[in-house]
Protein backbone atom coordinates (compact mmCIF):
# COMPACT_ATOMS: atom_id res chain seq x y z
CA UNK A 1 -94.80 -0.79 6.26
CA UNK A 2 -98.92 0.29 6.23
CA UNK A 3 -100.82 0.00 3.13
CA UNK A 4 -102.00 3.78 3.49
CA UNK A 5 -98.06 4.50 3.11
CA UNK A 6 -97.10 2.37 0.32
CA UNK A 7 -100.09 4.03 -1.45
CA UNK A 8 -99.11 7.81 -0.07
CA UNK A 9 -95.76 7.97 -1.34
CA UNK A 10 -95.97 7.12 -5.05
CA UNK A 11 -99.52 9.65 -4.88
CA UNK A 12 -97.07 12.58 -3.52
CA UNK A 13 -94.68 11.70 -6.34
CA UNK A 14 -97.54 11.98 -9.03
CA UNK A 15 -98.56 14.96 -7.53
CA UNK A 16 -95.47 16.61 -7.94
CA UNK A 17 -94.88 15.40 -11.11
CA UNK A 18 -98.22 16.54 -12.56
CA UNK A 19 -97.27 20.26 -10.80
CA UNK A 20 -94.01 20.39 -12.24
CA UNK A 21 -92.20 20.28 -15.66
CA UNK A 22 -90.51 16.78 -15.43
CA UNK A 23 -90.79 13.28 -16.32
CA UNK A 24 -90.83 10.04 -14.88
CA UNK A 25 -87.23 9.37 -15.57
CA UNK A 26 -86.24 12.48 -13.32
CA UNK A 27 -88.42 11.06 -10.68
CA UNK A 28 -86.93 7.65 -10.28
CA UNK A 29 -82.91 9.04 -10.74
CA UNK A 30 -83.54 11.41 -7.74
CA UNK A 31 -85.31 8.87 -5.71
CA UNK A 32 -82.49 6.32 -6.32
CA UNK A 33 -79.76 9.02 -5.74
CA UNK A 34 -81.40 9.74 -2.43
CA UNK A 35 -81.56 6.24 -1.47
CA UNK A 36 -77.95 5.76 -2.56
CA UNK A 37 -76.80 8.37 0.01
CA UNK A 38 -78.41 6.79 2.91
CA UNK A 39 -74.97 5.13 3.80
CA UNK A 40 -72.90 8.27 3.93
CA UNK A 41 -71.48 9.00 7.28
CA UNK A 42 -72.51 12.51 8.92
CA UNK A 43 -68.96 13.97 7.72
CA UNK A 44 -69.58 12.72 4.14
CA UNK A 45 -69.34 15.52 1.28
CA UNK A 46 -72.63 15.55 0.27
CA UNK A 47 -72.26 18.14 -2.41
CA UNK A 48 -69.56 16.45 -4.06
CA UNK A 49 -71.35 13.05 -3.96
CA UNK A 50 -74.34 14.30 -5.84
CA UNK A 51 -72.26 16.56 -7.98
CA UNK A 52 -70.14 13.63 -9.62
CA UNK A 53 -73.27 11.54 -10.15
CA UNK A 54 -73.94 14.43 -12.78
CA UNK A 55 -70.42 13.99 -14.65
CA UNK A 56 -71.24 13.72 -18.65
CA UNK A 57 -74.80 15.27 -18.50
CA UNK A 58 -75.12 17.68 -21.52
CA UNK A 59 -75.15 21.09 -20.95
CA UNK A 60 -78.20 22.68 -22.08
CA UNK A 61 -79.12 26.30 -21.40
CA UNK A 62 -82.30 27.70 -21.13
CA UNK A 63 -84.27 24.80 -19.37
CA UNK A 64 -86.28 26.70 -17.52
CA UNK A 65 -87.43 29.09 -20.26
CA UNK A 66 -89.37 26.56 -22.83
CA UNK A 67 -92.96 26.86 -20.82
CA UNK A 68 -95.35 29.54 -21.53
CA UNK A 69 -95.98 29.88 -17.80
CA UNK A 70 -93.75 29.69 -14.86
CA UNK A 71 -93.47 26.06 -13.49
CA UNK A 72 -90.81 24.48 -11.20
CA UNK A 73 -88.67 22.20 -13.64
CA UNK A 74 -87.16 19.25 -12.60
CA UNK A 75 -85.04 18.12 -15.41
CA UNK A 76 -81.64 16.03 -14.60
CA UNK A 77 -81.07 15.12 -18.07
CA UNK A 78 -79.82 18.42 -19.34
CA UNK A 79 -77.98 20.99 -16.95
CA UNK A 80 -76.63 24.61 -17.12
CA UNK A 81 -74.46 25.58 -14.46
CA UNK A 82 -77.11 26.99 -12.24
CA UNK A 83 -79.33 24.30 -12.66
CA UNK A 84 -76.79 21.77 -11.59
CA UNK A 85 -75.96 23.78 -8.33
CA UNK A 86 -79.56 23.82 -7.49
CA UNK A 87 -80.03 20.19 -8.17
CA UNK A 88 -76.85 19.11 -6.40
CA UNK A 89 -77.78 21.63 -3.17
CA UNK A 90 -81.16 20.43 -3.28
CA UNK A 91 -80.07 16.58 -3.07
CA UNK A 92 -77.60 17.19 -0.57
CA UNK A 93 -79.86 18.89 1.47
CA UNK A 94 -82.66 16.47 1.44
CA UNK A 95 -79.91 13.87 2.09
CA UNK A 96 -78.89 15.49 5.07
CA UNK A 97 -82.32 15.30 6.83
CA UNK A 98 -82.73 11.85 5.70
CA UNK A 99 -85.39 12.60 2.86
CA UNK A 100 -85.51 10.23 0.16
CA UNK A 101 -88.96 11.13 -1.83
CA UNK A 102 -89.36 12.86 -4.79
CA UNK A 103 -91.95 15.27 -3.54
CA UNK A 104 -89.25 16.22 -0.53
CA UNK A 105 -86.52 16.96 -3.32
CA UNK A 106 -89.27 19.01 -5.45
CA UNK A 107 -90.20 21.26 -2.16
CA UNK A 108 -86.77 21.67 -1.48
CA UNK A 109 -85.71 23.02 -4.89
CA UNK A 110 -88.60 25.35 -5.13
CA UNK A 111 -87.26 26.93 -1.95
CA UNK A 112 -83.79 27.14 -3.54
CA UNK A 113 -84.82 28.65 -6.72
CA UNK A 114 -87.47 31.29 -5.72
CA UNK A 115 -87.38 34.05 -3.45
CA UNK A 116 -89.38 32.84 -0.30
CA UNK A 117 -90.23 29.23 -2.56
CA UNK A 118 -92.84 31.24 -4.30
CA UNK A 119 -93.00 29.61 -7.76
CA UNK A 120 -93.23 32.68 -10.41
CA UNK A 121 -90.97 33.85 -12.97
CA UNK A 122 -90.36 37.51 -11.18
CA UNK A 123 -89.53 35.51 -8.06
CA UNK A 124 -87.05 33.41 -9.57
CA UNK A 125 -83.34 34.12 -8.52
CA UNK A 126 -82.28 35.27 -11.95
CA UNK A 127 -79.25 37.04 -10.52
CA UNK A 128 -77.02 35.00 -8.54
CA UNK A 129 -76.28 37.48 -5.90
CA UNK A 130 -79.86 37.49 -4.89
CA UNK A 131 -79.61 33.52 -5.20
CA UNK A 132 -76.71 33.48 -2.26
CA UNK A 133 -78.63 36.08 -0.08
CA UNK A 134 -82.08 34.33 -0.34
CA UNK A 135 -80.21 30.76 0.86
CA UNK A 136 -78.25 32.46 3.26
CA UNK A 137 -81.46 33.85 5.12
CA UNK A 138 -83.08 30.73 4.49
CA UNK A 139 -80.26 28.71 6.21
CA UNK A 140 -79.29 26.68 3.38
CA UNK A 141 -76.03 28.24 2.53
CA UNK A 142 -73.36 30.03 4.50
CA UNK A 143 -71.71 33.30 2.98
CA UNK A 144 -67.85 32.53 3.16
CA UNK A 145 -66.67 36.36 3.16
CA UNK A 146 -64.90 39.00 5.30
CA UNK A 147 -62.64 41.49 5.26
CA UNK A 148 -59.29 39.71 5.39
CA UNK A 149 -57.33 38.01 2.87
CA UNK A 150 -58.04 36.69 0.55
CA UNK A 151 -61.02 38.72 0.46
CA UNK A 152 -59.27 42.00 -0.63
CA UNK A 153 -61.38 43.11 -3.20
CA UNK A 154 -65.18 44.78 -3.31
CA UNK A 155 -67.60 44.18 -5.84
CA UNK A 156 -70.00 47.53 -6.36
CA UNK A 157 -73.13 45.94 -8.34
CA UNK A 158 -74.91 47.89 -10.76
CA UNK A 159 -77.02 44.81 -12.44
CA UNK A 160 -79.68 45.90 -15.26
CA UNK A 161 -78.66 43.15 -17.81
CA UNK A 162 -82.23 41.46 -17.88
CA UNK A 163 -84.27 45.00 -18.05
CA UNK A 164 -81.90 45.95 -20.90
CA UNK A 165 -81.48 42.81 -22.91
CA UNK A 166 -85.65 41.61 -23.06
CA UNK A 167 -85.27 40.07 -26.20
CA UNK A 168 -82.70 37.47 -24.57
CA UNK A 169 -85.45 36.16 -22.18
CA UNK A 170 -88.49 34.54 -24.26
CA UNK A 171 -90.92 34.53 -21.31
CA UNK A 172 -89.93 38.12 -20.14
CA UNK A 173 -90.90 38.95 -23.63
CA UNK A 174 -94.00 37.26 -23.72
CA UNK A 175 -95.29 38.80 -20.56
CA UNK A 176 -94.20 42.56 -20.93
CA UNK A 177 -96.28 43.05 -17.32
CA UNK A 178 -93.54 41.37 -15.52
CA UNK A 179 -90.69 43.98 -16.72
CA UNK A 180 -91.23 46.03 -13.93
CA UNK A 181 -90.53 43.90 -11.32
CA UNK A 182 -87.48 42.89 -12.96
CA UNK A 183 -86.43 46.18 -12.95
CA UNK A 184 -87.53 46.69 -9.23
CA UNK A 185 -85.25 43.52 -8.17
CA UNK A 186 -82.21 44.89 -10.14
CA UNK A 187 -82.74 48.44 -8.50
CA UNK A 188 -82.54 46.79 -5.36
CA UNK A 189 -79.21 44.91 -5.96
CA UNK A 190 -77.79 47.91 -7.55
CA UNK A 191 -75.70 49.63 -4.68
CA UNK A 192 -74.64 46.69 -2.76
CA UNK A 193 -70.96 46.11 -2.02
CA UNK A 194 -69.34 42.38 -1.59
CA UNK A 195 -65.78 41.82 -0.61
CA UNK A 196 -64.62 38.75 -3.08
CA UNK A 197 -61.43 36.98 -3.89
CA UNK A 198 -59.77 38.62 -6.70
CA UNK A 199 -58.59 36.19 -9.62
CA UNK A 200 -54.82 36.91 -8.93
CA UNK A 201 -55.35 35.45 -5.53
CA UNK A 202 -56.66 31.97 -6.58
CA UNK A 203 -53.87 29.64 -6.27
CA UNK A 204 -52.74 26.52 -4.37
CA UNK A 205 -51.90 28.13 -1.06
CA UNK A 206 -52.50 27.03 2.61
CA UNK A 207 -54.96 29.89 2.97
CA UNK A 208 -56.87 29.23 -0.19
CA UNK A 209 -56.89 25.78 1.13
CA UNK A 210 -58.72 26.58 4.31
CA UNK A 211 -60.98 29.55 2.94
CA UNK A 212 -62.20 26.82 0.16
CA UNK A 213 -63.56 23.89 0.87
CA UNK A 214 -64.59 20.77 -1.29
CA UNK A 215 -68.24 21.00 -2.22
CA UNK A 216 -68.04 24.77 -1.77
CA UNK A 217 -70.45 26.95 -4.45
CA UNK A 218 -68.15 29.42 -6.45
CA UNK A 219 -69.37 32.14 -8.21
CA UNK A 220 -67.28 33.73 -10.57
CA UNK A 221 -67.91 37.63 -10.84
CA UNK A 222 -67.77 39.42 -14.28
CA UNK A 223 -66.96 42.78 -15.50
CA UNK A 224 -69.54 42.63 -18.23
CA UNK A 225 -72.12 45.49 -18.08
CA UNK A 226 -75.11 45.02 -16.24
CA UNK A 227 -74.00 41.52 -14.66
CA UNK A 228 -72.93 40.31 -11.24
CA UNK A 229 -71.68 36.91 -12.00
CA UNK A 230 -71.05 35.03 -15.54
CA UNK A 231 -70.66 31.22 -14.16
CA UNK A 232 -71.06 29.12 -11.23
CA UNK A 233 -69.39 25.79 -10.02
CA UNK A 234 -68.22 23.32 -7.17
CA UNK A 235 -65.00 23.48 -5.96
CA UNK A 236 -63.11 20.45 -6.02
CA UNK A 237 -59.41 20.20 -4.54
CA UNK A 238 -56.98 18.12 -6.22
CA UNK A 239 -53.04 17.34 -5.35
CA UNK A 240 -52.03 20.05 -8.09
CA UNK A 241 -54.75 22.60 -7.03
CA UNK A 242 -58.32 23.77 -7.17
CA UNK A 243 -60.60 22.44 -9.87
CA UNK A 244 -64.17 23.51 -10.79
CA UNK A 245 -67.04 20.90 -11.19
CA UNK A 246 -69.30 22.60 -13.72
CA UNK A 247 -71.90 22.25 -16.40
CA UNK A 248 -69.48 23.69 -19.01
CA UNK A 249 -70.81 25.75 -22.28
CA UNK A 250 -67.32 24.82 -23.44
CA UNK A 251 -67.00 20.95 -22.99
CA UNK A 252 -71.04 20.87 -23.77
CA UNK A 253 -71.64 18.70 -20.55
CA UNK A 254 -71.08 18.45 -16.82
CA UNK A 255 -67.27 17.98 -16.13
CA UNK A 256 -64.67 18.14 -13.40
CA UNK A 257 -62.36 20.47 -15.60
CA UNK A 258 -58.94 19.14 -16.04
CA UNK A 259 -57.57 22.55 -16.18
CA UNK A 260 -56.59 24.30 -12.81
CA UNK A 261 -59.13 26.93 -11.98
CA UNK A 262 -56.53 29.80 -11.44
CA UNK A 263 -55.68 28.95 -15.39
CA UNK A 264 -59.15 28.60 -16.57
CA UNK A 265 -59.86 32.25 -15.19
CA UNK A 266 -56.90 33.61 -16.76
CA UNK A 267 -58.18 32.59 -20.34
CA UNK A 268 -61.36 34.95 -19.66
CA UNK A 269 -60.52 38.59 -19.04
CA UNK A 270 -64.15 39.41 -18.19
CA UNK A 271 -63.97 37.29 -15.14
CA UNK A 272 -62.37 39.29 -12.15
CA UNK A 273 -62.79 37.14 -9.12
CA UNK A 274 -65.19 34.66 -6.82
CA UNK A 275 -67.78 34.71 -4.14
CA UNK A 276 -67.99 31.73 -2.13
CA UNK A 277 -70.87 29.99 -0.29
CA UNK A 278 -71.42 26.72 1.67
CA UNK A 279 -74.09 24.25 2.45
CA UNK A 280 -75.15 24.70 6.16
CA UNK A 281 -74.41 21.32 7.84
CA UNK A 282 -76.76 22.05 10.69
CA UNK A 283 -80.34 20.35 9.55
CA UNK A 284 -83.07 22.61 8.84
CA UNK A 285 -86.65 21.78 7.07
CA UNK A 286 -87.36 23.85 3.99
CA UNK A 287 -89.68 26.90 4.44
CA UNK A 288 -93.37 26.35 4.53
């Protein structure tokens, strides 16, 4: 390798470390995982390959909201349900393109987490419905939905949780000028309709196994006022049925839930059903 390349690669990683909130351990861990994935076959399940590497990592909420100003947060040491999915998807997409640098990863994460890749609190994809839409439009995920079984129910969105619970969002409280933009985002989502799989239909059936694949992203819908989703995870089929690999607040860490996903949903009355999206298999570069 030419000397200029040897110098440039570490330099790029240092630039991204200083422009994002993370530490050297995150950079080292991410680049090692990407190198380890280089031996995967083109047909290998990259979502599950990377997701399994985070099993046991502590569940910690609000890791994106510790700063006074919005920055790209890179934290593989503490994860919640959304940051786990974002981290895994970013790694899988980079790996699919043969990218192995921390700079590549940071760029991909930025595109996944923020509307059009613009790092700002008001363009962070707070509501997972918008997260799905933005990442589907960018070509990173495919929405799995249609008007046939098992998608037999319709979600009617009415989101306003953030604007009505500002005290739960420290950065929003510190920057009241952002409130109107959050309201505008909520108004843009409210009124939309999406077909979904009701919880009663989540079972170990040929139809469900053909609809949901290993490594798919599962968004759990909720009846709680003002919210669209309440939890997110990654689908894993086992001999006894569908399980959820997720950053679990109950277990306080990333786990492959031992309980069947159908039983898990039965224990949560407010969970109404699921939406599903899948990492795109075509190799697309991040948006500029």
